[in-house]
Each structure stands twice: as C-alpha cells, then as structure tokens.
Amino acid sequence: MFLADVIGTVVSPIQHPVLDGERMLIVRPLTPDGRATGRTRIAIDRSQAGEGDRVLVVDEGNAGRQLLDAPDGPVKTVVVGVVDYIELDGRLAFDSRNSTGAE
C-alpha cells in the first residue's frame, strides 16, 4: 500500500470487460510528509475519490483482483480509501480540510 494524490482521470475507448463501469484515476505516490516519490500510476477507483484527493492505494495484483472479484482480471492498482488526515511524529502532516494540505 502507498499514499498518493489523485492528479487526473483516464478515459479510454478500449477496455477489458472486467473494467467495464470502473473509473480509473491517475495517482502520484507520496511519502507520508507529502513529497512526491516514484512513478505515477493508473488505479481503479473504489473509494469515490476525485482529482486533488489524497488516497490510500493497494498496489498488488492478488489484492486488487479480490477487491474487484475478478480472479483472472488485469488488475493491480486500486484506490481503496480517501485520507482525511495524517499524523506524523506527533504533528499533523496533512489535513484534507486545509487547502494547502498541511498545517
């Protein structure tokens, strides 16, 4: 699992049947203190997230396929939750109610 910011959505006319009706998001992995890390990824949205949300992402094929109930589906990365706040070393490192993302 990793933290990420949602930076966009993906629209494609070509989809695998397992992905019919699923919304796909572009997510940028982050460290707990909010620094970008790693490469952006495309994730299936299971949490009603939107652009600008900080999210929790599962990035493991078996877990992703179980979440979609698709044992043979081409699934790896799934957004499983929207983050309200992050406390790091006793301080609030991220708060979704704050427009800048940190206190």
PDB file of N, CA and C in Angstrom:
ATOM      1  N   MET A   1       0.838  -1.177   0.000  1.00  0.00           N
ATOM      2  CA  MET A   1       0.000   0.000   0.000  1.00  0.00           C
ATOM      3  C   MET A   1       0.878   1.233   0.000  1.00  0.00           C
ATOM      4  N   PHE A   2       0.316   2.314  -0.555  1.00  0.00           N
ATOM      5  CA  PHE A   2       1.025   3.578  -0.521  1.00  0.00           C
ATOM      6  C   PHE A   2       0.034   4.733  -0.528  1.00  0.00           C
ATOM      7  N   LEU A   3       0.524   5.902  -0.121  1.00  0.00           N
ATOM      8  CA  LEU A   3      -0.250   7.134  -0.188  1.00  0.00           C
ATOM      9  C   LEU A   3      -0.034   7.762  -1.547  1.00  0.00           C
ATOM     10  N   ALA A   4      -1.051   8.483  -2.039  1.00  0.00           N
ATOM     11  CA  ALA A   4      -0.915   9.147  -3.333  1.00  0.00           C
ATOM     12  C   ALA A   4      -1.876  10.317  -3.417  1.00  0.00           C
ATOM     13  N   ASP A   5      -1.571  11.229  -4.322  1.00  0.00           N
ATOM     14  CA  ASP A   5      -2.503  12.288  -4.694  1.00  0.00           C
ATOM     15  C   ASP A   5      -3.124  11.910  -6.026  1.00  0.00           C
ATOM     16  N   VAL A   6      -4.417  12.152  -6.156  1.00  0.00           N
ATOM     17  CA  VAL A   6      -5.098  11.943  -7.433  1.00  0.00           C
ATOM     18  C   VAL A   6      -4.842  13.182  -8.278  1.00  0.00           C
ATOM     19  N   ILE A   7      -4.246  12.981  -9.464  1.00  0.00           N
ATOM     20  CA  ILE A   7      -3.898  14.128 -10.306  1.00  0.00           C
ATOM     21  C   ILE A   7      -4.704  14.159 -11.603  1.00  0.00           C
ATOM     22  N   GLY A   8      -5.556  13.178 -11.828  1.00  0.00           N
ATOM     23  CA  GLY A   8      -6.380  13.192 -13.028  1.00  0.00           C
ATOM     24  C   GLY A   8      -7.165  11.911 -13.191  1.00  0.00           C
ATOM     25  N   THR A   9      -7.909  11.847 -14.278  1.00  0.00           N
ATOM     26  CA  THR A   9      -8.677  10.648 -14.616  1.00  0.00           C
ATOM     27  C   THR A   9      -8.238  10.144 -15.975  1.00  0.00           C
ATOM     28  N   VAL A  10      -8.577   8.896 -16.254  1.00  0.00           N
ATOM     29  CA  VAL A  10      -8.225   8.270 -17.523  1.00  0.00           C
ATOM     30  C   VAL A  10      -9.513   7.916 -18.253  1.00  0.00           C
ATOM     31  N   VAL A  11      -9.575   8.281 -19.521  1.00  0.00           N
ATOM     32  CA  VAL A  11     -10.696   7.906 -20.366  1.00  0.00           C
ATOM     33  C   VAL A  11     -10.127   7.134 -21.547  1.00  0.00           C
ATOM     34  N   SER A  12     -10.648   5.934 -21.758  1.00  0.00           N
ATOM     35  CA  SER A  12     -10.159   5.104 -22.851  1.00  0.00           C
ATOM     36  C   SER A  12     -11.330   4.390 -23.511  1.00  0.00           C
ATOM     37  N   PRO A  13     -11.370   4.383 -24.848  1.00  0.00           N
ATOM     38  CA  PRO A  13     -12.452   3.661 -25.532  1.00  0.00           C
ATOM     39  C   PRO A  13     -12.221   2.149 -25.541  1.00  0.00           C
ATOM     40  N   ILE A  14     -11.019   1.717 -25.181  1.00  0.00           N
ATOM     41  CA  ILE A  14     -10.686   0.297 -25.198  1.00  0.00           C
ATOM     42  C   ILE A  14     -10.544  -0.181 -23.757  1.00  0.00           C
ATOM     43  N   GLN A  15     -11.369  -1.168 -23.390  1.00  0.00           N
ATOM     44  CA  GLN A  15     -11.308  -1.678 -22.025  1.00  0.00           C
ATOM     45  C   GLN A  15     -11.497  -3.181 -22.014  1.00  0.00           C
ATOM     46  N   HIS A  16     -10.930  -3.778 -21.004  1.00  0.00           N
ATOM     47  CA  HIS A  16     -11.157  -5.187 -20.720  1.00  0.00           C
ATOM     48  C   HIS A  16     -12.534  -5.296 -20.063  1.00  0.00           C
ATOM     49  N   PRO A  17     -13.297  -6.372 -20.309  1.00  0.00           N
ATOM     50  CA  PRO A  17     -14.633  -6.496 -19.702  1.00  0.00           C
ATOM     51  C   PRO A  17     -14.644  -6.334 -18.177  1.00  0.00           C
ATOM     52  N   VAL A  18     -13.576  -6.721 -17.498  1.00  0.00           N
ATOM     53  CA  VAL A  18     -13.506  -6.577 -16.038  1.00  0.00           C
ATOM     54  C   VAL A  18     -13.560  -5.099 -15.646  1.00  0.00           C
ATOM     55  N   LEU A  19     -13.096  -4.222 -16.530  1.00  0.00           N
ATOM     56  CA  LEU A  19     -13.026  -2.799 -16.222  1.00  0.00           C
ATOM     57  C   LEU A  19     -14.274  -2.024 -16.639  1.00  0.00           C
ATOM     58  N   ASP A  20     -15.252  -2.688 -17.252  1.00  0.00           N
ATOM     59  CA  ASP A  20     -16.487  -2.004 -17.648  1.00  0.00           C
ATOM     60  C   ASP A  20     -17.140  -1.351 -16.444  1.00  0.00           C
ATOM     61  N   GLY A  21     -17.434  -0.073 -16.553  1.00  0.00           N
ATOM     62  CA  GLY A  21     -18.092   0.654 -15.477  1.00  0.00           C
ATOM     63  C   GLY A  21     -17.161   1.116 -14.372  1.00  0.00           C
ATOM     64  N   GLU A  22     -15.888   0.776 -14.446  1.00  0.00           N
ATOM     65  CA  GLU A  22     -14.920   1.195 -13.416  1.00  0.00           C
ATOM     66  C   GLU A  22     -14.297   2.533 -13.821  1.00  0.00           C
ATOM     67  N   ARG A  23     -14.104   3.403 -12.837  1.00  0.00           N
ATOM     68  CA  ARG A  23     -13.440   4.675 -13.074  1.00  0.00           C
ATOM     69  C   ARG A  23     -11.957   4.506 -12.796  1.00  0.00           C
ATOM     70  N   MET A  24     -11.131   5.070 -13.663  1.00  0.00           N
ATOM     71  CA  MET A  24      -9.682   4.960 -13.498  1.00  0.00           C
ATOM     72  C   MET A  24      -9.100   6.337 -13.231  1.00  0.00           C
ATOM     73  N   LEU A  25      -8.172   6.377 -12.267  1.00  0.00           N
ATOM     74  CA  LEU A  25      -7.546   7.624 -11.836  1.00  0.00           C
ATOM     75  C   LEU A  25      -6.044   7.572 -12.052  1.00  0.00           C
ATOM     76  N   ILE A  26      -5.455   8.731 -12.271  1.00  0.00           N
ATOM     77  CA  ILE A  26      -4.001   8.852 -12.306  1.00  0.00           C
ATOM     78  C   ILE A  26      -3.576   9.265 -10.910  1.00  0.00           C
ATOM     79  N   VAL A  27      -2.701   8.474 -10.288  1.00  0.00           N
ATOM     80  CA  VAL A  27      -2.261   8.761  -8.927  1.00  0.00           C
ATOM     81  C   VAL A  27      -0.741   8.941  -8.889  1.00  0.00           C
ATOM     82  N   ARG A  28      -0.303   9.901  -8.065  1.00  0.00           N
ATOM     83  CA  ARG A  28       1.124  10.180  -7.878  1.00  0.00           C
ATOM     84  C   ARG A  28       1.506   9.745  -6.468  1.00  0.00           C
ATOM     85  N   PRO A  29       2.349   8.719  -6.296  1.00  0.00           N
ATOM     86  CA  PRO A  29       2.756   8.264  -4.962  1.00  0.00           C
ATOM     87  C   PRO A  29       3.454   9.366  -4.165  1.00  0.00           C
ATOM     88  N   LEU A  30       3.224   9.331  -2.842  1.00  0.00           N
ATOM     89  CA  LEU A  30       3.786  10.332  -1.933  1.00  0.00           C
ATOM     90  C   LEU A  30       4.406   9.666  -0.714  1.00  0.00           C
ATOM     91  N   THR A  31       5.354  10.361  -0.101  1.00  0.00           N
ATOM     92  CA  THR A  31       5.839   9.966   1.217  1.00  0.00           C
ATOM     93  C   THR A  31       4.802  10.446   2.234  1.00  0.00           C
ATOM     94  N   PRO A  32       4.837   9.951   3.470  1.00  0.00           N
ATOM     95  CA  PRO A  32       3.865  10.410   4.472  1.00  0.00           C
ATOM     96  C   PRO A  32       3.887  11.926   4.710  1.00  0.00           C
ATOM     97  N   ASP A  33       5.038  12.568   4.475  1.00  0.00           N
ATOM     98  CA  ASP A  33       5.093  14.024   4.664  1.00  0.00           C
ATOM     99  C   ASP A  33       4.714  14.801   3.405  1.00  0.00           C
ATOM    100  N   GLY A  34       4.269  14.099   2.354  1.00  0.00           N
ATOM    101  CA  GLY A  34       3.713  14.767   1.183  1.00  0.00           C
ATOM    102  C   GLY A  34       4.644  14.983   0.008  1.00  0.00           C
ATOM    103  N   ARG A  35       5.865  14.482   0.068  1.00  0.00           N
ATOM    104  CA  ARG A  35       6.784  14.633  -1.064  1.00  0.00           C
ATOM    105  C   ARG A  35       6.502  13.565  -2.115  1.00  0.00           C
ATOM    106  N   ALA A  36       6.498  13.975  -3.383  1.00  0.00           N
ATOM    107  CA  ALA A  36       6.278  13.024  -4.473  1.00  0.00           C
ATOM    108  C   ALA A  36       7.412  12.011  -4.510  1.00  0.00           C
ATOM    109  N   THR A  37       7.065  10.762  -4.788  1.00  0.00           N
ATOM    110  CA  THR A  37       8.049   9.696  -4.855  1.00  0.00           C
ATOM    111  C   THR A  37       7.581   8.656  -5.866  1.00  0.00           C
ATOM    112  N   GLY A  38       8.474   8.093  -6.612  1.00  0.00           N
ATOM    113  CA  GLY A  38       8.090   7.047  -7.556  1.00  0.00           C
ATOM    114  C   GLY A  38       7.386   7.586  -8.787  1.00  0.00           C
ATOM    115  N   ARG A  39       6.846   6.659  -9.553  1.00  0.00           N
ATOM    116  CA  ARG A  39       6.206   6.986 -10.827  1.00  0.00           C
ATOM    117  C   ARG A  39       4.695   7.036 -10.677  1.00  0.00           C
ATOM    118  N   THR A  40       4.068   7.894 -11.478  1.00  0.00           N
ATOM    119  CA  THR A  40       2.610   7.943 -11.464  1.00  0.00           C
ATOM    120  C   THR A  40       2.065   6.616 -11.978  1.00  0.00           C
ATOM    121  N   ARG A  41       0.838   6.312 -11.548  1.00  0.00           N
ATOM    122  CA  ARG A  41       0.209   5.047 -11.925  1.00  0.00           C
ATOM    123  C   ARG A  41      -1.249   5.282 -12.237  1.00  0.00           C
ATOM    124  N   ILE A  42      -1.836   4.329 -12.916  1.00  0.00           N
ATOM    125  CA  ILE A  42      -3.274   4.338 -13.156  1.00  0.00           C
ATOM    126  C   ILE A  42      -3.886   3.351 -12.177  1.00  0.00           C
ATOM    127  N   ALA A  43      -4.929   3.807 -11.462  1.00  0.00           N
ATOM    128  CA  ALA A  43      -5.557   2.965 -10.448  1.00  0.00           C
ATOM    129  C   ALA A  43      -7.072   2.956 -10.649  1.00  0.00           C
ATOM    130  N   ILE A  44      -7.675   1.836 -10.361  1.00  0.00           N
ATOM    131  CA  ILE A  44      -9.129   1.724 -10.380  1.00  0.00           C
ATOM    132  C   ILE A  44      -9.650   2.353  -9.098  1.00  0.00           C
ATOM    133  N   ASP A  45     -10.701   3.164  -9.217  1.00  0.00           N
ATOM    134  CA  ASP A  45     -11.242   3.886  -8.072  1.00  0.00           C
ATOM    135  C   ASP A  45     -12.352   3.090  -7.404  1.00  0.00           C
ATOM    136  N   ARG A  46     -12.156   2.725  -6.154  1.00  0.00           N
ATOM    137  CA  ARG A  46     -13.171   2.054  -5.361  1.00  0.00           C
ATOM    138  C   ARG A  46     -13.580   2.890  -4.149  1.00  0.00           C
ATOM    139  N   SER A  47     -13.204   4.178  -4.131  1.00  0.00           N
ATOM    140  CA  SER A  47     -13.475   4.993  -2.948  1.00  0.00           C
ATOM    141  C   SER A  47     -14.158   6.316  -3.263  1.00  0.00           C
ATOM    142  N   GLN A  48     -14.603   6.489  -4.491  1.00  0.00           N
ATOM    143  CA  GLN A  48     -15.245   7.744  -4.898  1.00  0.00           C
ATOM    144  C   GLN A  48     -14.301   8.939  -4.759  1.00  0.00           C
ATOM    145  N   ALA A  49     -13.022   8.721  -5.038  1.00  0.00           N
ATOM    146  CA  ALA A  49     -12.030   9.792  -4.950  1.00  0.00           C
ATOM    147  C   ALA A  49     -12.128  10.680  -6.188  1.00  0.00           C
ATOM    148  N   GLY A  50     -11.538  11.857  -6.073  1.00  0.00           N
ATOM    149  CA  GLY A  50     -11.513  12.776  -7.194  1.00  0.00           C
ATOM    150  C   GLY A  50     -10.191  13.505  -7.263  1.00  0.00           C
ATOM    151  N   GLU A  51     -10.009  14.262  -8.327  1.00  0.00           N
ATOM    152  CA  GLU A  51      -8.778  14.997  -8.513  1.00  0.00           C
ATOM    153  C   GLU A  51      -8.530  15.911  -7.315  1.00  0.00           C
ATOM    154  N   GLY A  52      -7.295  15.876  -6.799  1.00  0.00           N
ATOM    155  CA  GLY A  52      -6.921  16.670  -5.643  1.00  0.00           C
ATOM    156  C   GLY A  52      -7.021  15.929  -4.324  1.00  0.00           C
ATOM    157  N   ASP A  53      -7.657  14.758  -4.304  1.00  0.00           N
ATOM    158  CA  ASP A  53      -7.764  13.976  -3.071  1.00  0.00           C
ATOM    159  C   ASP A  53      -6.464  13.247  -2.777  1.00  0.00           C
ATOM    160  N   ARG A  54      -6.155  13.096  -1.504  1.00  0.00           N
ATOM    161  CA  ARG A  54      -5.059  12.228  -1.063  1.00  0.00           C
ATOM    162  C   ARG A  54      -5.699  10.878  -0.739  1.00  0.00           C
ATOM    163  N   VAL A  55      -5.104   9.806  -1.250  1.00  0.00           N
ATOM    164  CA  VAL A  55      -5.741   8.493  -1.171  1.00  0.00           C
ATOM    165  C   VAL A  55      -4.777   7.415  -0.705  1.00  0.00           C
ATOM    166  N   LEU A  56      -5.355   6.292  -0.297  1.00  0.00           N
ATOM    167  CA  LEU A  56      -4.610   5.091   0.051  1.00  0.00           C
ATOM    168  C   LEU A  56      -4.805   4.106  -1.099  1.00  0.00           C
ATOM    169  N   VAL A  57      -3.695   3.549  -1.586  1.00  0.00           N
ATOM    170  CA  VAL A  57      -3.723   2.726  -2.787  1.00  0.00           C
ATOM    171  C   VAL A  57      -3.134   1.344  -2.510  1.00  0.00           C
ATOM    172  N   VAL A  58      -3.836   0.312  -2.951  1.00  0.00           N
ATOM    173  CA  VAL A  58      -3.318  -1.057  -2.922  1.00  0.00           C
ATOM    174  C   VAL A  58      -2.640  -1.279  -4.266  1.00  0.00           C
ATOM    175  N   ASP A  59      -1.418  -1.786  -4.249  1.00  0.00           N
ATOM    176  CA  ASP A  59      -0.662  -1.983  -5.490  1.00  0.00           C
ATOM    177  C   ASP A  59      -0.127  -3.406  -5.549  1.00  0.00           C
ATOM    178  N   GLU A  60      -1.037  -4.347  -5.520  1.00  0.00           N
ATOM    179  CA  GLU A  60      -0.666  -5.762  -5.541  1.00  0.00           C
ATOM    180  C   GLU A  60      -1.784  -6.503  -6.260  1.00  0.00           C
ATOM    181  N   GLY A  61      -1.432  -7.251  -7.276  1.00  0.00           N
ATOM    182  CA  GLY A  61      -2.411  -7.886  -8.139  1.00  0.00           C
ATOM    183  C   GLY A  61      -3.454  -8.741  -7.456  1.00  0.00           C
ATOM    184  N   ASN A  62      -3.036  -9.619  -6.557  1.00  0.00           N
ATOM    185  CA  ASN A  62      -3.994 -10.509  -5.908  1.00  0.00           C
ATOM    186  C   ASN A  62      -5.017  -9.717  -5.095  1.00  0.00           C
ATOM    187  N   ALA A  63      -4.559  -8.742  -4.321  1.00  0.00           N
ATOM    188  CA  ALA A  63      -5.477  -7.920  -3.525  1.00  0.00           C
ATOM    189  C   ALA A  63      -6.420  -7.148  -4.435  1.00  0.00           C
ATOM    190  N   GLY A  64      -5.902  -6.577  -5.513  1.00  0.00           N
ATOM    191  CA  GLY A  64      -6.732  -5.831  -6.453  1.00  0.00           C
ATOM    192  C   GLY A  64      -7.796  -6.698  -7.102  1.00  0.00           C
ATOM    193  N   ARG A  65      -7.414  -7.887  -7.513  1.00  0.00           N
ATOM    194  CA  ARG A  65      -8.384  -8.802  -8.125  1.00  0.00           C
ATOM    195  C   ARG A  65      -9.446  -9.236  -7.118  1.00  0.00           C
ATOM    196  N   GLN A  66      -9.063  -9.439  -5.867  1.00  0.00           N
ATOM    197  CA  GLN A  66     -10.045  -9.794  -4.846  1.00  0.00           C
ATOM    198  C   GLN A  66     -11.033  -8.652  -4.610  1.00  0.00           C
ATOM    199  N   LEU A  67     -10.541  -7.422  -4.581  1.00  0.00           N
ATOM    200  CA  LEU A  67     -11.419  -6.269  -4.386  1.00  0.00           C
ATOM    201  C   LEU A  67     -12.453  -6.148  -5.503  1.00  0.00           C
ATOM    202  N   LEU A  68     -12.070  -6.507  -6.728  1.00  0.00           N
ATOM    203  CA  LEU A  68     -12.985  -6.417  -7.863  1.00  0.00           C
ATOM    204  C   LEU A  68     -13.709  -7.729  -8.132  1.00  0.00           C
ATOM    205  N   ASP A  69     -13.408  -8.754  -7.342  1.00  0.00           N
ATOM    206  CA  ASP A  69     -13.992 -10.079  -7.550  1.00  0.00           C
ATOM    207  C   ASP A  69     -13.771 -10.544  -8.984  1.00  0.00           C
ATOM    208  N   ALA A  70     -12.515 -10.424  -9.427  1.00  0.00           N
ATOM    209  CA  ALA A  70     -12.135 -10.767 -10.796  1.00  0.00           C
ATOM    210  C   ALA A  70     -10.857 -11.597 -10.760  1.00  0.00           C
ATOM    211  N   PRO A  71     -10.964 -12.909 -10.489  1.00  0.00           N
ATOM    212  CA  PRO A  71      -9.770 -13.735 -10.300  1.00  0.00           C
ATOM    213  C   PRO A  71      -8.796 -13.737 -11.470  1.00  0.00           C
ATOM    214  N   ASP A  72      -9.294 -13.510 -12.676  1.00  0.00           N
ATOM    215  CA  ASP A  72      -8.420 -13.529 -13.851  1.00  0.00           C
ATOM    216  C   ASP A  72      -8.281 -12.151 -14.495  1.00  0.00           C
ATOM    217  N   GLY A  73      -8.754 -11.113 -13.824  1.00  0.00           N
ATOM    218  CA  GLY A  73      -8.749  -9.772 -14.406  1.00  0.00           C
ATOM    219  C   GLY A  73      -7.378  -9.126 -14.414  1.00  0.00           C
ATOM    220  N   PRO A  74      -7.169  -8.204 -15.355  1.00  0.00           N
ATOM    221  CA  PRO A  74      -5.900  -7.471 -15.433  1.00  0.00           C
ATOM    222  C   PRO A  74      -5.894  -6.306 -14.440  1.00  0.00           C
ATOM    223  N   VAL A  75      -5.833  -6.643 -13.168  1.00  0.00           N
ATOM    224  CA  VAL A  75      -5.970  -5.642 -12.111  1.00  0.00           C
ATOM    225  C   VAL A  75      -4.750  -5.696 -11.203  1.00  0.00           C
ATOM    226  N   LYS A  76      -4.212  -4.519 -10.873  1.00  0.00           N
ATOM    227  CA  LYS A  76      -3.115  -4.470  -9.920  1.00  0.00           C
ATOM    228  C   LYS A  76      -3.285  -3.337  -8.925  1.00  0.00           C
ATOM    229  N   THR A  77      -3.621  -2.135  -9.388  1.00  0.00           N
ATOM    230  CA  THR A  77      -3.597  -0.948  -8.557  1.00  0.00           C
ATOM    231  C   THR A  77      -5.015  -0.428  -8.344  1.00  0.00           C
ATOM    232  N   VAL A  78      -5.414  -0.306  -7.056  1.00  0.00           N
ATOM    233  CA  VAL A  78      -6.783   0.087  -6.721  1.00  0.00           C
ATOM    234  C   VAL A  78      -6.754   1.120  -5.589  1.00  0.00           C
ATOM    235  N   VAL A  79      -7.501   2.219  -5.778  1.00  0.00           N
ATOM    236  CA  VAL A  79      -7.680   3.213  -4.716  1.00  0.00           C
ATOM    237  C   VAL A  79      -8.721   2.649  -3.754  1.00  0.00           C
ATOM    238  N   VAL A  80      -8.323   2.494  -2.480  1.00  0.00           N
ATOM    239  CA  VAL A  80      -9.217   1.864  -1.507  1.00  0.00           C
ATOM    240  C   VAL A  80      -9.724   2.829  -0.433  1.00  0.00           C
ATOM    241  N   GLY A  81      -9.220   4.052  -0.384  1.00  0.00           N
ATOM    242  CA  GLY A  81      -9.704   4.987   0.618  1.00  0.00           C
ATOM    243  C   GLY A  81      -9.214   6.397   0.387  1.00  0.00           C
ATOM    244  N   VAL A  82     -10.010   7.361   0.850  1.00  0.00           N
ATOM    245  CA  VAL A  82      -9.628   8.772   0.817  1.00  0.00           C
ATOM    246  C   VAL A  82      -9.101   9.120   2.205  1.00  0.00           C
ATOM    247  N   VAL A  83      -7.968   9.803   2.266  1.00  0.00           N
ATOM    248  CA  VAL A  83      -7.307  10.132   3.529  1.00  0.00           C
ATOM    249  C   VAL A  83      -7.851  11.453   4.072  1.00  0.00           C
ATOM    250  N   ASP A  84      -8.283  11.441   5.334  1.00  0.00           N
ATOM    251  CA  ASP A  84      -8.750  12.659   5.990  1.00  0.00           C
ATOM    252  C   ASP A  84      -7.595  13.457   6.574  1.00  0.00           C
ATOM    253  N   TYR A  85      -6.695  12.762   7.282  1.00  0.00           N
ATOM    254  CA  TYR A  85      -5.537  13.446   7.833  1.00  0.00           C
ATOM    255  C   TYR A  85      -4.422  12.437   8.076  1.00  0.00           C
ATOM    256  N   ILE A  86      -3.196  12.970   8.204  1.00  0.00           N
ATOM    257  CA  ILE A  86      -2.020  12.151   8.500  1.00  0.00           C
ATOM    258  C   ILE A  86      -1.294  12.802   9.662  1.00  0.00           C
ATOM    259  N   GLU A  87      -1.067  12.026  10.700  1.00  0.00           N
ATOM    260  CA  GLU A  87      -0.278  12.489  11.836  1.00  0.00           C
ATOM    261  C   GLU A  87       1.085  11.823  11.737  1.00  0.00           C
ATOM    262  N   LEU A  88       2.133  12.629  11.804  1.00  0.00           N
ATOM    263  CA  LEU A  88       3.492  12.130  11.635  1.00  0.00           C
ATOM    264  C   LEU A  88       4.367  12.720  12.729  1.00  0.00           C
ATOM    265  N   ASP A  89       4.977  11.859  13.536  1.00  0.00           N
ATOM    266  CA  ASP A  89       5.842  12.299  14.636  1.00  0.00           C
ATOM    267  C   ASP A  89       5.134  13.285  15.557  1.00  0.00           C
ATOM    268  N   GLY A  90       3.875  13.019  15.861  1.00  0.00           N
ATOM    269  CA  GLY A  90       3.136  13.842  16.803  1.00  0.00           C
ATOM    270  C   GLY A  90       2.594  15.147  16.261  1.00  0.00           C
ATOM    271  N   ARG A  91       2.752  15.380  14.973  1.00  0.00           N
ATOM    272  CA  ARG A  91       2.208  16.608  14.392  1.00  0.00           C
ATOM    273  C   ARG A  91       1.329  16.257  13.196  1.00  0.00           C
ATOM    274  N   LEU A  92       0.434  17.152  12.864  1.00  0.00           N
ATOM    275  CA  LEU A  92      -0.464  16.947  11.745  1.00  0.00           C
ATOM    276  C   LEU A  92       0.280  17.282  10.457  1.00  0.00           C
ATOM    277  N   ALA A  93       0.605  16.256   9.662  1.00  0.00           N
ATOM    278  CA  ALA A  93       1.349  16.454   8.422  1.00  0.00           C
ATOM    279  C   ALA A  93       0.435  16.732   7.242  1.00  0.00           C
ATOM    280  N   PHE A  94      -0.818  16.292   7.324  1.00  0.00           N
ATOM    281  CA  PHE A  94      -1.792  16.529   6.258  1.00  0.00           C
ATOM    282  C   PHE A  94      -3.181  16.578   6.867  1.00  0.00           C
ATOM    283  N   ASP A  95      -3.972  17.525   6.405  1.00  0.00           N
ATOM    284  CA  ASP A  95      -5.368  17.647   6.833  1.00  0.00           C
ATOM    285  C   ASP A  95      -6.182  18.022   5.611  1.00  0.00           C
ATOM    286  N   SER A  96      -7.115  17.162   5.226  1.00  0.00           N
ATOM    287  CA  SER A  96      -7.891  17.391   3.997  1.00  0.00           C
ATOM    288  C   SER A  96      -8.751  18.650   4.080  1.00  0.00           C
ATOM    289  N   ARG A  97      -9.039  19.136   5.274  1.00  0.00           N
ATOM    290  CA  ARG A  97      -9.844  20.353   5.426  1.00  0.00           C
ATOM    291  C   ARG A  97      -9.034  21.615   5.150  1.00  0.00           C
ATOM    292  N   ASN A  98      -7.710  21.473   5.116  1.00  0.00           N
ATOM    293  CA  ASN A  98      -6.819  22.594   4.886  1.00  0.00           C
ATOM    294  C   ASN A  98      -6.436  22.602   3.411  1.00  0.00           C
ATOM    295  N   SER A  99      -6.678  23.685   2.713  1.00  0.00           N
ATOM    296  CA  SER A  99      -6.464  23.734   1.260  1.00  0.00           C
ATOM    297  C   SER A  99      -5.012  23.512   0.852  1.00  0.00           C
ATOM    298  N   THR A 100      -4.042  23.812   1.723  1.00  0.00           N
ATOM    299  CA  THR A 100      -2.640  23.617   1.372  1.00  0.00           C
ATOM    300  C   THR A 100      -2.188  22.188   1.653  1.00  0.00           C
ATOM    301  N   GLY A 101      -2.976  21.428   2.415  1.00  0.00           N
ATOM    302  CA  GLY A 101      -2.632  20.047   2.701  1.00  0.00           C
ATOM    303  C   GLY A 101      -1.800  19.844   3.947  1.00  0.00           C
ATOM    304  N   ALA A 102      -1.326  20.913   4.579  1.00  0.00           N
ATOM    305  CA  ALA A 102      -0.532  20.772   5.814  1.00  0.00           C
ATOM    306  C   ALA A 102      -0.875  21.907   6.751  1.00  0.00           C
ATOM    307  N   GLU A 103      -0.623  21.688   8.016  1.00  0.00           N
ATOM    308  CA  GLU A 103      -0.878  22.743   8.996  1.00  0.00           C
ATOM    309  C   GLU A 103       0.331  23.585   9.204  1.00  0.00           C
TER     310      GLU A 103
END
